[in-house]
């Protein structure tokens, strides 16, 4: 069985590559950086919205902290 991949995410915050929402073969929804060899970030969200209400992890992944002089606020 192959993982299901959807792209509706902002770029990876670590390397800037495309990030995809994937459904793993175990059914867990994750966000994975497409730069597998250079970055390889995989992000999951363990919260009530994602776990119990089926909210896409892309909703949380696409949020970004406001930048103020290089520091997150």
C-alpha atoms as a PDB file:
ATOM      1  CA  UNK A   1       0.000   0.000   0.000  1.00  0.00           C
ATOM      2  CA  UNK A   2       1.376   3.434  -0.923  1.00  0.00           C
ATOM      3  CA  UNK A   3       1.068   6.619   1.106  1.00  0.00           C
ATOM      4  CA  UNK A   4      -1.437   9.170  -0.198  1.00  0.00           C
ATOM      5  CA  UNK A   5       0.154  12.583  -0.919  1.00  0.00           C
ATOM      6  CA  UNK A   6      -1.597  15.975  -1.163  1.00  0.00           C
ATOM      7  CA  UNK A   7       0.147  19.316  -1.651  1.00  0.00           C
ATOM      8  CA  UNK A   8      -1.595  22.253  -0.008  1.00  0.00           C
ATOM      9  CA  UNK A   9       1.069  23.233   2.465  1.00  0.00           C
ATOM     10  CA  UNK A  10       3.343  26.206   2.728  1.00  0.00           C
ATOM     11  CA  UNK A  11       7.020  25.441   2.016  1.00  0.00           C
ATOM     12  CA  UNK A  12       9.108  23.686   4.648  1.00  0.00           C
ATOM     13  CA  UNK A  13      10.111  26.243   7.307  1.00  0.00           C
ATOM     14  CA  UNK A  14      13.498  24.559   7.683  1.00  0.00           C
ATOM     15  CA  UNK A  15      14.777  24.392   4.094  1.00  0.00           C
ATOM     16  CA  UNK A  16      12.135  26.054   1.898  1.00  0.00           C
ATOM     17  CA  UNK A  17      11.370  22.927  -0.176  1.00  0.00           C
ATOM     18  CA  UNK A  18       7.836  21.819  -1.043  1.00  0.00           C
ATOM     19  CA  UNK A  19       5.988  20.241   1.879  1.00  0.00           C
ATOM     20  CA  UNK A  20       3.230  17.688   1.348  1.00  0.00           C
ATOM     21  CA  UNK A  21       0.444  16.363   3.493  1.00  0.00           C
ATOM     22  CA  UNK A  22       0.727  12.605   3.450  1.00  0.00           C
ATOM     23  CA  UNK A  23      -1.311   9.780   4.833  1.00  0.00           C
ATOM     24  CA  UNK A  24       1.071   7.102   5.987  1.00  0.00           C
ATOM     25  CA  UNK A  25       0.402   3.438   5.412  1.00  0.00           C
ATOM     26  CA  UNK A  26      -0.789   3.272   9.031  1.00  0.00           C
ATOM     27  CA  UNK A  27      -3.384   6.005   8.377  1.00  0.00           C
ATOM     28  CA  UNK A  28      -1.658   8.806  10.272  1.00  0.00           C
ATOM     29  CA  UNK A  29      -1.786  12.251   8.616  1.00  0.00           C
ATOM     30  CA  UNK A  30       1.627  13.928   8.485  1.00  0.00           C
ATOM     31  CA  UNK A  31       3.427  16.807   6.791  1.00  0.00           C
ATOM     32  CA  UNK A  32       6.650  15.767   5.053  1.00  0.00           C
ATOM     33  CA  UNK A  33       9.359  17.884   3.451  1.00  0.00           C
ATOM     34  CA  UNK A  34      10.014  16.852  -0.161  1.00  0.00           C
ATOM     35  CA  UNK A  35      13.766  17.435   0.337  1.00  0.00           C
ATOM     36  CA  UNK A  36      14.245  13.936   1.757  1.00  0.00           C
ATOM     37  CA  UNK A  37      18.043  13.806   1.548  1.00  0.00           C
ATOM     38  CA  UNK A  38      18.788  17.393   2.556  1.00  0.00           C
ATOM     39  CA  UNK A  39      16.162  18.076   5.233  1.00  0.00           C
ATOM     40  CA  UNK A  40      13.714  15.221   5.709  1.00  0.00           C
ATOM     41  CA  UNK A  41      11.474  16.982   8.215  1.00  0.00           C
ATOM     42  CA  UNK A  42       8.303  15.108   9.121  1.00  0.00           C
ATOM     43  CA  UNK A  43       5.724  16.912  11.257  1.00  0.00           C
ATOM     44  CA  UNK A  44       2.660  15.599  13.037  1.00  0.00           C
ATOM     45  CA  UNK A  45       0.204  17.364  15.307  1.00  0.00           C
ATOM     46  CA  UNK A  46      -1.066  15.634  18.401  1.00  0.00           C
ATOM     47  CA  UNK A  47      -4.076  17.737  19.322  1.00  0.00           C
ATOM     48  CA  UNK A  48      -7.821  17.293  19.698  1.00  0.00           C
ATOM     49  CA  UNK A  49      -8.669  18.933  16.349  1.00  0.00           C
ATOM     50  CA  UNK A  50      -6.434  16.613  14.333  1.00  0.00           C
ATOM     51  CA  UNK A  51      -6.849  13.486  16.443  1.00  0.00           C
ATOM     52  CA  UNK A  52     -10.578  13.564  17.152  1.00  0.00           C
ATOM     53  CA  UNK A  53     -12.170  15.994  14.700  1.00  0.00           C
ATOM     54  CA  UNK A  54     -10.300  15.125  11.505  1.00  0.00           C
ATOM     55  CA  UNK A  55      -8.808  18.575  10.950  1.00  0.00           C
ATOM     56  CA  UNK A  56      -6.024  18.466   8.382  1.00  0.00           C
ATOM     57  CA  UNK A  57      -2.526  18.889   9.837  1.00  0.00           C
ATOM     58  CA  UNK A  58      -1.917  21.377   6.988  1.00  0.00           C
ATOM     59  CA  UNK A  59      -4.130  23.868   8.871  1.00  0.00           C
ATOM     60  CA  UNK A  60      -1.652  23.895  11.750  1.00  0.00           C
ATOM     61  CA  UNK A  61       1.465  23.523   9.596  1.00  0.00           C
ATOM     62  CA  UNK A  62       0.515  26.540   7.481  1.00  0.00           C
ATOM     63  CA  UNK A  63       0.287  28.813  10.509  1.00  0.00           C
ATOM     64  CA  UNK A  64       3.450  30.799  11.028  1.00  0.00           C
ATOM     65  CA  UNK A  65       4.493  32.894  13.988  1.00  0.00           C
ATOM     66  CA  UNK A  66       4.720  36.608  13.272  1.00  0.00           C
ATOM     67  CA  UNK A  67       8.312  37.669  12.688  1.00  0.00           C
ATOM     68  CA  UNK A  68       9.502  40.777  14.537  1.00  0.00           C
ATOM     69  CA  UNK A  69      13.144  41.613  13.963  1.00  0.00           C
ATOM     70  CA  UNK A  70      14.036  37.946  13.491  1.00  0.00           C
ATOM     71  CA  UNK A  71      12.288  36.792  16.691  1.00  0.00           C
ATOM     72  CA  UNK A  72       8.992  34.943  16.744  1.00  0.00           C
ATOM     73  CA  UNK A  73       6.349  36.754  18.782  1.00  0.00           C
END
